[in-house]
mmCIF file of all heavy atoms, coordinates in Angstrom:
data_MODEL
# 
_entry.id   MODEL 
# 
loop_
_atom_site.group_PDB 
_atom_site.id 
_atom_site.type_symbol 
_atom_site.label_atom_id 
_atom_site.label_alt_id 
_atom_site.label_comp_id 
_atom_site.label_asym_id 
_atom_site.label_entity_id 
_atom_site.label_seq_id 
_atom_site.pdbx_PDB_ins_code 
_atom_site.Cartn_x 
_atom_site.Cartn_y 
_atom_site.Cartn_z 
_atom_site.occupancy 
_atom_site.B_iso_or_equiv 
_atom_site.pdbx_formal_charge 
_atom_site.auth_seq_id 
_atom_site.auth_comp_id 
_atom_site.auth_asym_id 
_atom_site.auth_atom_id 
_atom_site.pdbx_PDB_model_num 
ATOM 1   N N   . THR A 1 1  ? -22.316 152.560 94.759  1.00 0.00 ? 1  THR A N   1 
ATOM 2   C CA  . THR A 1 1  ? -21.966 151.798 93.570  1.00 0.00 ? 1  THR A CA  1 
ATOM 3   C C   . THR A 1 1  ? -20.486 151.456 93.613  1.00 0.00 ? 1  THR A C   1 
ATOM 4   O O   . THR A 1 1  ? -19.645 152.336 93.843  1.00 0.00 ? 1  THR A O   1 
ATOM 5   C CB  . THR A 1 1  ? -22.300 152.576 92.297  1.00 0.00 ? 1  THR A CB  1 
ATOM 6   O OG1 . THR A 1 1  ? -23.708 152.837 92.261  1.00 0.00 ? 1  THR A OG1 1 
ATOM 7   C CG2 . THR A 1 1  ? -21.924 151.772 91.062  1.00 0.00 ? 1  THR A CG2 1 
ATOM 8   N N   . ALA A 1 2  ? -20.175 150.186 93.383  1.00 0.00 ? 2  ALA A N   1 
ATOM 9   C CA  . ALA A 1 2  ? -18.811 149.689 93.484  1.00 0.00 ? 2  ALA A CA  1 
ATOM 10  C C   . ALA A 1 2  ? -18.274 149.273 92.121  1.00 0.00 ? 2  ALA A C   1 
ATOM 11  O O   . ALA A 1 2  ? -19.017 148.798 91.256  1.00 0.00 ? 2  ALA A O   1 
ATOM 12  C CB  . ALA A 1 2  ? -18.744 148.494 94.439  1.00 0.00 ? 2  ALA A CB  1 
ATOM 13  N N   . SER A 1 3  ? -16.980 149.435 91.938  1.00 0.00 ? 3  SER A N   1 
ATOM 14  C CA  . SER A 1 3  ? -16.306 148.975 90.736  1.00 0.00 ? 3  SER A CA  1 
ATOM 15  C C   . SER A 1 3  ? -14.877 148.581 91.092  1.00 0.00 ? 3  SER A C   1 
ATOM 16  O O   . SER A 1 3  ? -14.370 148.940 92.153  1.00 0.00 ? 3  SER A O   1 
ATOM 17  C CB  . SER A 1 3  ? -16.302 150.054 89.642  1.00 0.00 ? 3  SER A CB  1 
ATOM 18  O OG  . SER A 1 3  ? -15.600 151.206 90.071  1.00 0.00 ? 3  SER A OG  1 
ATOM 19  N N   . GLY A 1 4  ? -14.234 147.828 90.207  1.00 0.00 ? 4  GLY A N   1 
ATOM 20  C CA  . GLY A 1 4  ? -12.838 147.473 90.398  1.00 0.00 ? 4  GLY A CA  1 
ATOM 21  C C   . GLY A 1 4  ? -12.594 146.128 91.058  1.00 0.00 ? 4  GLY A C   1 
ATOM 22  O O   . GLY A 1 4  ? -11.435 145.753 91.253  1.00 0.00 ? 4  GLY A O   1 
ATOM 23  N N   . PHE A 1 5  ? -13.656 145.407 91.398  1.00 0.00 ? 5  PHE A N   1 
ATOM 24  C CA  . PHE A 1 5  ? -13.525 144.095 92.007  1.00 0.00 ? 5  PHE A CA  1 
ATOM 25  C C   . PHE A 1 5  ? -14.826 143.339 91.816  1.00 0.00 ? 5  PHE A C   1 
ATOM 26  O O   . PHE A 1 5  ? -15.880 143.955 91.635  1.00 0.00 ? 5  PHE A O   1 
ATOM 27  C CB  . PHE A 1 5  ? -13.165 144.208 93.493  1.00 0.00 ? 5  PHE A CB  1 
ATOM 28  C CG  . PHE A 1 5  ? -12.559 142.966 94.077  1.00 0.00 ? 5  PHE A CG  1 
ATOM 29  C CD1 . PHE A 1 5  ? -11.226 142.666 93.855  1.00 0.00 ? 5  PHE A CD1 1 
ATOM 30  C CD2 . PHE A 1 5  ? -13.321 142.100 94.848  1.00 0.00 ? 5  PHE A CD2 1 
ATOM 31  C CE1 . PHE A 1 5  ? -10.650 141.523 94.392  1.00 0.00 ? 5  PHE A CE1 1 
ATOM 32  C CE2 . PHE A 1 5  ? -12.760 140.955 95.387  1.00 0.00 ? 5  PHE A CE2 1 
ATOM 33  C CZ  . PHE A 1 5  ? -11.420 140.665 95.160  1.00 0.00 ? 5  PHE A CZ  1 
ATOM 34  N N   . THR A 1 6  ? -14.730 142.019 91.874  1.00 0.00 ? 6  THR A N   1 
ATOM 35  C CA  . THR A 1 6  ? -15.920 141.190 91.724  1.00 0.00 ? 6  THR A CA  1 
ATOM 36  C C   . THR A 1 6  ? -16.914 141.508 92.831  1.00 0.00 ? 6  THR A C   1 
ATOM 37  O O   . THR A 1 6  ? -16.632 141.306 94.010  1.00 0.00 ? 6  THR A O   1 
ATOM 38  C CB  . THR A 1 6  ? -15.548 139.707 91.752  1.00 0.00 ? 6  THR A CB  1 
ATOM 39  O OG1 . THR A 1 6  ? -14.573 139.430 90.748  1.00 0.00 ? 6  THR A OG1 1 
ATOM 40  C CG2 . THR A 1 6  ? -16.784 138.845 91.514  1.00 0.00 ? 6  THR A CG2 1 
ATOM 41  N N   . PHE A 1 7  ? -18.071 142.008 92.429  1.00 0.00 ? 7  PHE A N   1 
ATOM 42  C CA  . PHE A 1 7  ? -19.024 142.515 93.396  1.00 0.00 ? 7  PHE A CA  1 
ATOM 43  C C   . PHE A 1 7  ? -19.441 141.455 94.407  1.00 0.00 ? 7  PHE A C   1 
ATOM 44  O O   . PHE A 1 7  ? -19.554 141.736 95.609  1.00 0.00 ? 7  PHE A O   1 
ATOM 45  C CB  . PHE A 1 7  ? -20.242 143.082 92.655  1.00 0.00 ? 7  PHE A CB  1 
ATOM 46  C CG  . PHE A 1 7  ? -21.199 143.830 93.525  1.00 0.00 ? 7  PHE A CG  1 
ATOM 47  C CD1 . PHE A 1 7  ? -20.828 145.003 94.150  1.00 0.00 ? 7  PHE A CD1 1 
ATOM 48  C CD2 . PHE A 1 7  ? -22.494 143.364 93.712  1.00 0.00 ? 7  PHE A CD2 1 
ATOM 49  C CE1 . PHE A 1 7  ? -21.711 145.696 94.948  1.00 0.00 ? 7  PHE A CE1 1 
ATOM 50  C CE2 . PHE A 1 7  ? -23.394 144.046 94.498  1.00 0.00 ? 7  PHE A CE2 1 
ATOM 51  C CZ  . PHE A 1 7  ? -23.003 145.219 95.121  1.00 0.00 ? 7  PHE A CZ  1 
ATOM 52  N N   . GLU A 1 8  ? -19.663 140.237 93.931  1.00 0.00 ? 8  GLU A N   1 
ATOM 53  C CA  . GLU A 1 8  ? -20.152 139.166 94.796  1.00 0.00 ? 8  GLU A CA  1 
ATOM 54  C C   . GLU A 1 8  ? -19.128 138.713 95.830  1.00 0.00 ? 8  GLU A C   1 
ATOM 55  O O   . GLU A 1 8  ? -19.477 137.985 96.757  1.00 0.00 ? 8  GLU A O   1 
ATOM 56  C CB  . GLU A 1 8  ? -20.601 137.970 93.952  1.00 0.00 ? 8  GLU A CB  1 
ATOM 57  C CG  . GLU A 1 8  ? -21.850 138.211 93.116  1.00 0.00 ? 8  GLU A CG  1 
ATOM 58  C CD  . GLU A 1 8  ? -21.570 138.995 91.845  1.00 0.00 ? 8  GLU A CD  1 
ATOM 59  O OE1 . GLU A 1 8  ? -20.379 139.183 91.498  1.00 0.00 ? 8  GLU A OE1 1 
ATOM 60  O OE2 . GLU A 1 8  ? -22.541 139.418 91.192  1.00 0.00 ? 8  GLU A OE2 1 
ATOM 61  N N   . ARG A 1 9  ? -17.880 139.136 95.669  1.00 0.00 ? 9  ARG A N   1 
ATOM 62  C CA  . ARG A 1 9  ? -16.839 138.797 96.623  1.00 0.00 ? 9  ARG A CA  1 
ATOM 63  C C   . ARG A 1 9  ? -16.683 139.850 97.725  1.00 0.00 ? 9  ARG A C   1 
ATOM 64  O O   . ARG A 1 9  ? -15.842 139.690 98.618  1.00 0.00 ? 9  ARG A O   1 
ATOM 65  C CB  . ARG A 1 9  ? -15.501 138.625 95.899  1.00 0.00 ? 9  ARG A CB  1 
ATOM 66  C CG  . ARG A 1 9  ? -15.458 137.394 94.997  1.00 0.00 ? 9  ARG A CG  1 
ATOM 67  C CD  . ARG A 1 9  ? -15.267 136.141 95.818  1.00 0.00 ? 9  ARG A CD  1 
ATOM 68  N NE  . ARG A 1 9  ? -13.970 136.138 96.478  1.00 0.00 ? 9  ARG A NE  1 
ATOM 69  C CZ  . ARG A 1 9  ? -13.633 135.339 97.484  1.00 0.00 ? 9  ARG A CZ  1 
ATOM 70  N NH1 . ARG A 1 9  ? -14.503 134.474 97.960  1.00 0.00 ? 9  ARG A NH1 1 
ATOM 71  N NH2 . ARG A 1 9  ? -12.416 135.410 98.015  1.00 0.00 ? 9  ARG A NH2 1 
ATOM 72  N N   . LEU A 1 10 ? -17.475 140.892 97.675  1.00 0.00 ? 10 LEU A N   1 
ATOM 73  C CA  . LEU A 1 10 ? -17.346 142.002 98.611  1.00 0.00 ? 10 LEU A CA  1 
ATOM 74  C C   . LEU A 1 10 ? -18.348 141.926 99.748  1.00 0.00 ? 10 LEU A C   1 
ATOM 75  O O   . LEU A 1 10 ? -19.406 141.305 99.638  1.00 0.00 ? 10 LEU A O   1 
ATOM 76  C CB  . LEU A 1 10 ? -17.548 143.333 97.887  1.00 0.00 ? 10 LEU A CB  1 
ATOM 77  C CG  . LEU A 1 10 ? -16.538 143.729 96.813  1.00 0.00 ? 10 LEU A CG  1 
ATOM 78  C CD1 . LEU A 1 10 ? -16.994 145.020 96.154  1.00 0.00 ? 10 LEU A CD1 1 
ATOM 79  C CD2 . LEU A 1 10 ? -15.151 143.886 97.408  1.00 0.00 ? 10 LEU A CD2 1 
ATOM 80  N N   . SER A 1 11 ? -18.004 142.592 100.822 1.00 0.00 ? 11 SER A N   1 
ATOM 81  C CA  . SER A 1 11 ? -18.962 143.033 101.812 1.00 0.00 ? 11 SER A CA  1 
ATOM 82  C C   . SER A 1 11 ? -18.961 144.556 101.806 1.00 0.00 ? 11 SER A C   1 
ATOM 83  O O   . SER A 1 11 ? -17.901 145.173 101.681 1.00 0.00 ? 11 SER A O   1 
ATOM 84  C CB  . SER A 1 11 ? -18.610 142.517 103.205 1.00 0.00 ? 11 SER A CB  1 
ATOM 85  O OG  . SER A 1 11 ? -18.759 141.112 103.267 1.00 0.00 ? 11 SER A OG  1 
ATOM 86  N N   . ILE A 1 12 ? -20.139 145.145 101.912 1.00 0.00 ? 12 ILE A N   1 
ATOM 87  C CA  . ILE A 1 12 ? -20.287 146.593 101.874 1.00 0.00 ? 12 ILE A CA  1 
ATOM 88  C C   . ILE A 1 12 ? -20.873 147.060 103.205 1.00 0.00 ? 12 ILE A C   1 
ATOM 89  O O   . ILE A 1 12 ? -21.890 146.531 103.655 1.00 0.00 ? 12 ILE A O   1 
ATOM 90  C CB  . ILE A 1 12 ? -21.189 147.050 100.721 1.00 0.00 ? 12 ILE A CB  1 
ATOM 91  C CG1 . ILE A 1 12 ? -20.641 146.568 99.369  1.00 0.00 ? 12 ILE A CG1 1 
ATOM 92  C CG2 . ILE A 1 12 ? -21.343 148.568 100.740 1.00 0.00 ? 12 ILE A CG2 1 
ATOM 93  C CD1 . ILE A 1 12 ? -19.330 147.202 98.966  1.00 0.00 ? 12 ILE A CD1 1 
ATOM 94  N N   . GLY A 1 13 ? -20.236 148.045 103.802 1.00 0.00 ? 13 GLY A N   1 
ATOM 95  C CA  . GLY A 1 13 ? -20.719 148.610 105.046 1.00 0.00 ? 13 GLY A CA  1 
ATOM 96  C C   . GLY A 1 13 ? -21.051 150.077 104.897 1.00 0.00 ? 13 GLY A C   1 
ATOM 97  O O   . GLY A 1 13 ? -20.482 150.781 104.057 1.00 0.00 ? 13 GLY A O   1 
ATOM 98  N N   . TRP A 1 14 ? -21.997 150.515 105.692 1.00 0.00 ? 14 TRP A N   1 
ATOM 99  C CA  . TRP A 1 14 ? -22.316 151.932 105.826 1.00 0.00 ? 14 TRP A CA  1 
ATOM 100 C C   . TRP A 1 14 ? -21.871 152.409 107.202 1.00 0.00 ? 14 TRP A C   1 
ATOM 101 O O   . TRP A 1 14 ? -22.162 151.758 108.217 1.00 0.00 ? 14 TRP A O   1 
ATOM 102 C CB  . TRP A 1 14 ? -23.812 152.199 105.654 1.00 0.00 ? 14 TRP A CB  1 
ATOM 103 C CG  . TRP A 1 14 ? -24.300 152.102 104.246 1.00 0.00 ? 14 TRP A CG  1 
ATOM 104 C CD1 . TRP A 1 14 ? -24.911 151.044 103.654 1.00 0.00 ? 14 TRP A CD1 1 
ATOM 105 C CD2 . TRP A 1 14 ? -24.228 153.132 103.253 1.00 0.00 ? 14 TRP A CD2 1 
ATOM 106 N NE1 . TRP A 1 14 ? -25.225 151.335 102.354 1.00 0.00 ? 14 TRP A NE1 1 
ATOM 107 C CE2 . TRP A 1 14 ? -24.816 152.615 102.077 1.00 0.00 ? 14 TRP A CE2 1 
ATOM 108 C CE3 . TRP A 1 14 ? -23.729 154.436 103.238 1.00 0.00 ? 14 TRP A CE3 1 
ATOM 109 C CZ2 . TRP A 1 14 ? -24.910 153.357 100.906 1.00 0.00 ? 14 TRP A CZ2 1 
ATOM 110 C CZ3 . TRP A 1 14 ? -23.823 155.174 102.069 1.00 0.00 ? 14 TRP A CZ3 1 
ATOM 111 C CH2 . TRP A 1 14 ? -24.402 154.635 100.924 1.00 0.00 ? 14 TRP A CH2 1 
ATOM 112 N N   . PHE A 1 15 ? -21.182 153.534 107.224 1.00 0.00 ? 15 PHE A N   1 
ATOM 113 C CA  . PHE A 1 15 ? -20.732 154.180 108.443 1.00 0.00 ? 15 PHE A CA  1 
ATOM 114 C C   . PHE A 1 15 ? -21.163 155.639 108.395 1.00 0.00 ? 15 PHE A C   1 
ATOM 115 O O   . PHE A 1 15 ? -21.430 156.181 107.323 1.00 0.00 ? 15 PHE A O   1 
ATOM 116 C CB  . PHE A 1 15 ? -19.212 154.081 108.593 1.00 0.00 ? 15 PHE A CB  1 
ATOM 117 C CG  . PHE A 1 15 ? -18.695 152.664 108.633 1.00 0.00 ? 15 PHE A CG  1 
ATOM 118 C CD1 . PHE A 1 15 ? -18.492 151.950 107.459 1.00 0.00 ? 15 PHE A CD1 1 
ATOM 119 C CD2 . PHE A 1 15 ? -18.420 152.043 109.836 1.00 0.00 ? 15 PHE A CD2 1 
ATOM 120 C CE1 . PHE A 1 15 ? -18.021 150.642 107.479 1.00 0.00 ? 15 PHE A CE1 1 
ATOM 121 C CE2 . PHE A 1 15 ? -17.948 150.739 109.875 1.00 0.00 ? 15 PHE A CE2 1 
ATOM 122 C CZ  . PHE A 1 15 ? -17.751 150.041 108.702 1.00 0.00 ? 15 PHE A CZ  1 
ATOM 123 N N   . ARG A 1 16 ? -21.213 156.273 109.550 1.00 0.00 ? 16 ARG A N   1 
ATOM 124 C CA  . ARG A 1 16 ? -21.602 157.678 109.569 1.00 0.00 ? 16 ARG A CA  1 
ATOM 125 C C   . ARG A 1 16 ? -20.810 158.427 110.633 1.00 0.00 ? 16 ARG A C   1 
ATOM 126 O O   . ARG A 1 16 ? -20.365 157.857 111.626 1.00 0.00 ? 16 ARG A O   1 
ATOM 127 C CB  . ARG A 1 16 ? -23.101 157.838 109.822 1.00 0.00 ? 16 ARG A CB  1 
ATOM 128 C CG  . ARG A 1 16 ? -23.564 157.395 111.203 1.00 0.00 ? 16 ARG A CG  1 
ATOM 129 C CD  . ARG A 1 16 ? -25.079 157.435 111.302 1.00 0.00 ? 16 ARG A CD  1 
ATOM 130 N NE  . ARG A 1 16 ? -25.551 157.093 112.631 1.00 0.00 ? 16 ARG A NE  1 
ATOM 131 C CZ  . ARG A 1 16 ? -26.834 156.989 112.963 1.00 0.00 ? 16 ARG A CZ  1 
ATOM 132 N NH1 . ARG A 1 16 ? -27.783 157.197 112.055 1.00 0.00 ? 16 ARG A NH1 1 
ATOM 133 N NH2 . ARG A 1 16 ? -27.183 156.679 114.210 1.00 0.00 ? 16 ARG A NH2 1 
ATOM 134 N N   . GLN A 1 17 ? -20.653 159.725 110.397 1.00 0.00 ? 17 GLN A N   1 
ATOM 135 C CA  . GLN A 1 17 ? -19.970 160.582 111.352 1.00 0.00 ? 17 GLN A CA  1 
ATOM 136 C C   . GLN A 1 17 ? -20.748 161.881 111.492 1.00 0.00 ? 17 GLN A C   1 
ATOM 137 O O   . GLN A 1 17 ? -20.882 162.640 110.531 1.00 0.00 ? 17 GLN A O   1 
ATOM 138 C CB  . GLN A 1 17 ? -18.532 160.864 110.926 1.00 0.00 ? 17 GLN A CB  1 
ATOM 139 C CG  . GLN A 1 17 ? -17.734 161.613 111.978 1.00 0.00 ? 17 GLN A CG  1 
ATOM 140 C CD  . GLN A 1 17 ? -16.245 161.605 111.698 1.00 0.00 ? 17 GLN A CD  1 
ATOM 141 O OE1 . GLN A 1 17 ? -15.821 161.443 110.556 1.00 0.00 ? 17 GLN A OE1 1 
ATOM 142 N NE2 . GLN A 1 17 ? -15.447 161.771 112.739 1.00 0.00 ? 17 GLN A NE2 1 
ATOM 143 N N   . ALA A 1 18 ? -21.261 162.114 112.690 1.00 0.00 ? 18 ALA A N   1 
ATOM 144 C CA  . ALA A 1 18 ? -21.974 163.340 113.004 1.00 0.00 ? 18 ALA A CA  1 
ATOM 145 C C   . ALA A 1 18 ? -20.987 164.389 113.498 1.00 0.00 ? 18 ALA A C   1 
ATOM 146 O O   . ALA A 1 18 ? -19.903 164.055 113.986 1.00 0.00 ? 18 ALA A O   1 
ATOM 147 C CB  . ALA A 1 18 ? -23.042 163.069 114.063 1.00 0.00 ? 18 ALA A CB  1 
ATOM 148 N N   . PRO A 1 19 ? -21.345 165.662 113.396 1.00 0.00 ? 19 PRO A N   1 
ATOM 149 C CA  . PRO A 1 19 ? -20.449 166.716 113.883 1.00 0.00 ? 19 PRO A CA  1 
ATOM 150 C C   . PRO A 1 19 ? -20.081 166.517 115.350 1.00 0.00 ? 19 PRO A C   1 
ATOM 151 O O   . PRO A 1 19 ? -20.950 166.318 116.197 1.00 0.00 ? 19 PRO A O   1 
ATOM 152 C CB  . PRO A 1 19 ? -21.266 167.995 113.689 1.00 0.00 ? 19 PRO A CB  1 
ATOM 153 C CG  . PRO A 1 19 ? -22.212 167.663 112.580 1.00 0.00 ? 19 PRO A CG  1 
ATOM 154 C CD  . PRO A 1 19 ? -22.560 166.220 112.785 1.00 0.00 ? 19 PRO A CD  1 
ATOM 155 N N   . GLY A 1 20 ? -18.791 166.557 115.639 1.00 0.00 ? 20 GLY A N   1 
ATOM 156 C CA  . GLY A 1 20 ? -18.319 166.423 117.001 1.00 0.00 ? 20 GLY A CA  1 
ATOM 157 C C   . GLY A 1 20 ? -18.318 165.019 117.556 1.00 0.00 ? 20 GLY A C   1 
ATOM 158 O O   . GLY A 1 20 ? -18.032 164.834 118.744 1.00 0.00 ? 20 GLY A O   1 
ATOM 159 N N   . LYS A 1 21 ? -18.627 164.025 116.739 1.00 0.00 ? 21 LYS A N   1 
ATOM 160 C CA  . LYS A 1 21 ? -18.682 162.648 117.200 1.00 0.00 ? 21 LYS A CA  1 
ATOM 161 C C   . LYS A 1 21 ? -17.724 161.764 116.416 1.00 0.00 ? 21 LYS A C   1 
ATOM 162 O O   . LYS A 1 21 ? -17.283 162.114 115.322 1.00 0.00 ? 21 LYS A O   1 
ATOM 163 C CB  . LYS A 1 21 ? -20.103 162.092 117.078 1.00 0.00 ? 21 LYS A CB  1 
ATOM 164 C CG  . LYS A 1 21 ? -21.126 162.754 117.981 1.00 0.00 ? 21 LYS A CG  1 
ATOM 165 C CD  . LYS A 1 21 ? -22.464 162.062 117.881 1.00 0.00 ? 21 LYS A CD  1 
ATOM 166 C CE  . LYS A 1 21 ? -23.485 162.657 118.829 1.00 0.00 ? 21 LYS A CE  1 
ATOM 167 N NZ  . LYS A 1 21 ? -24.792 161.963 118.735 1.00 0.00 ? 21 LYS A NZ  1 
ATOM 168 N N   . GLU A 1 22 ? -17.419 160.618 116.993 1.00 0.00 ? 22 GLU A N   1 
ATOM 169 C CA  . GLU A 1 22 ? -16.613 159.625 116.306 1.00 0.00 ? 22 GLU A CA  1 
ATOM 170 C C   . GLU A 1 22 ? -17.439 158.927 115.233 1.00 0.00 ? 22 GLU A C   1 
ATOM 171 O O   . GLU A 1 22 ? -18.674 158.848 115.312 1.00 0.00 ? 22 GLU A O   1 
ATOM 172 C CB  . GLU A 1 22 ? -16.081 158.593 117.298 1.00 0.00 ? 22 GLU A CB  1 
ATOM 173 C CG  . GLU A 1 22 ? -15.200 159.153 118.405 1.00 0.00 ? 22 GLU A CG  1 
ATOM 174 C CD  . GLU A 1 22 ? -13.863 159.627 117.895 1.00 0.00 ? 22 GLU A CD  1 
ATOM 175 O OE1 . GLU A 1 22 ? -13.370 159.082 116.887 1.00 0.00 ? 22 GLU A OE1 1 
ATOM 176 O OE2 . GLU A 1 22 ? -13.302 160.554 118.497 1.00 0.00 ? 22 GLU A OE2 1 
ATOM 177 N N   . ARG A 1 23 ? -16.751 158.407 114.232 1.00 0.00 ? 23 ARG A N   1 
ATOM 178 C CA  . ARG A 1 23 ? -17.437 157.651 113.204 1.00 0.00 ? 23 ARG A CA  1 
ATOM 179 C C   . ARG A 1 23 ? -17.966 156.344 113.797 1.00 0.00 ? 23 ARG A C   1 
ATOM 180 O O   . ARG A 1 23 ? -17.291 155.701 114.610 1.00 0.00 ? 23 ARG A O   1 
ATOM 181 C CB  . ARG A 1 23 ? -16.489 157.360 112.038 1.00 0.00 ? 23 ARG A CB  1 
ATOM 182 C CG  . ARG A 1 23 ? -17.161 156.718 110.837 1.00 0.00 ? 23 ARG A CG  1 
ATOM 183 C CD  . ARG A 1 23 ? -16.360 156.952 109.571 1.00 0.00 ? 23 ARG A CD  1 
ATOM 184 N NE  . ARG A 1 23 ? -14.999 156.502 109.698 1.00 0.00 ? 23 ARG A NE  1 
ATOM 185 C CZ  . ARG A 1 23 ? -13.954 157.073 109.090 1.00 0.00 ? 23 ARG A CZ  1 
ATOM 186 N NH1 . ARG A 1 23 ? -14.133 158.141 108.329 1.00 0.00 ? 23 ARG A NH1 1 
ATOM 187 N NH2 . ARG A 1 23 ? -12.740 156.575 109.266 1.00 0.00 ? 23 ARG A NH2 1 
ATOM 188 N N   . GLU A 1 24 ? -19.165 155.949 113.398 1.00 0.00 ? 24 GLU A N   1 
ATOM 189 C CA  . GLU A 1 24 ? -19.787 154.754 113.923 1.00 0.00 ? 24 GLU A CA  1 
ATOM 190 C C   . GLU A 1 24 ? -20.370 153.909 112.800 1.00 0.00 ? 24 GLU A C   1 
ATOM 191 O O   . GLU A 1 24 ? -20.693 154.407 111.726 1.00 0.00 ? 24 GLU A O   1 
ATOM 192 C CB  . GLU A 1 24 ? -20.887 155.110 114.921 1.00 0.00 ? 24 GLU A CB  1 
ATOM 193 C CG  . GLU A 1 24 ? -22.049 155.878 114.316 1.00 0.00 ? 24 GLU A CG  1 
ATOM 194 C CD  . GLU A 1 24 ? -23.128 156.211 115.332 1.00 0.00 ? 24 GLU A CD  1 
ATOM 195 O OE1 . GLU A 1 24 ? -22.923 155.961 116.536 1.00 0.00 ? 24 GLU A OE1 1 
ATOM 196 O OE2 . GLU A 1 24 ? -24.187 156.724 114.920 1.00 0.00 ? 24 GLU A OE2 1 
# 
């Protein structure tokens, strides 16, 4: 959930980081 900016002007990404690995 996003706030503080016009939602339609955003791009939203999902990233993940597993133990011992770089974020991807």
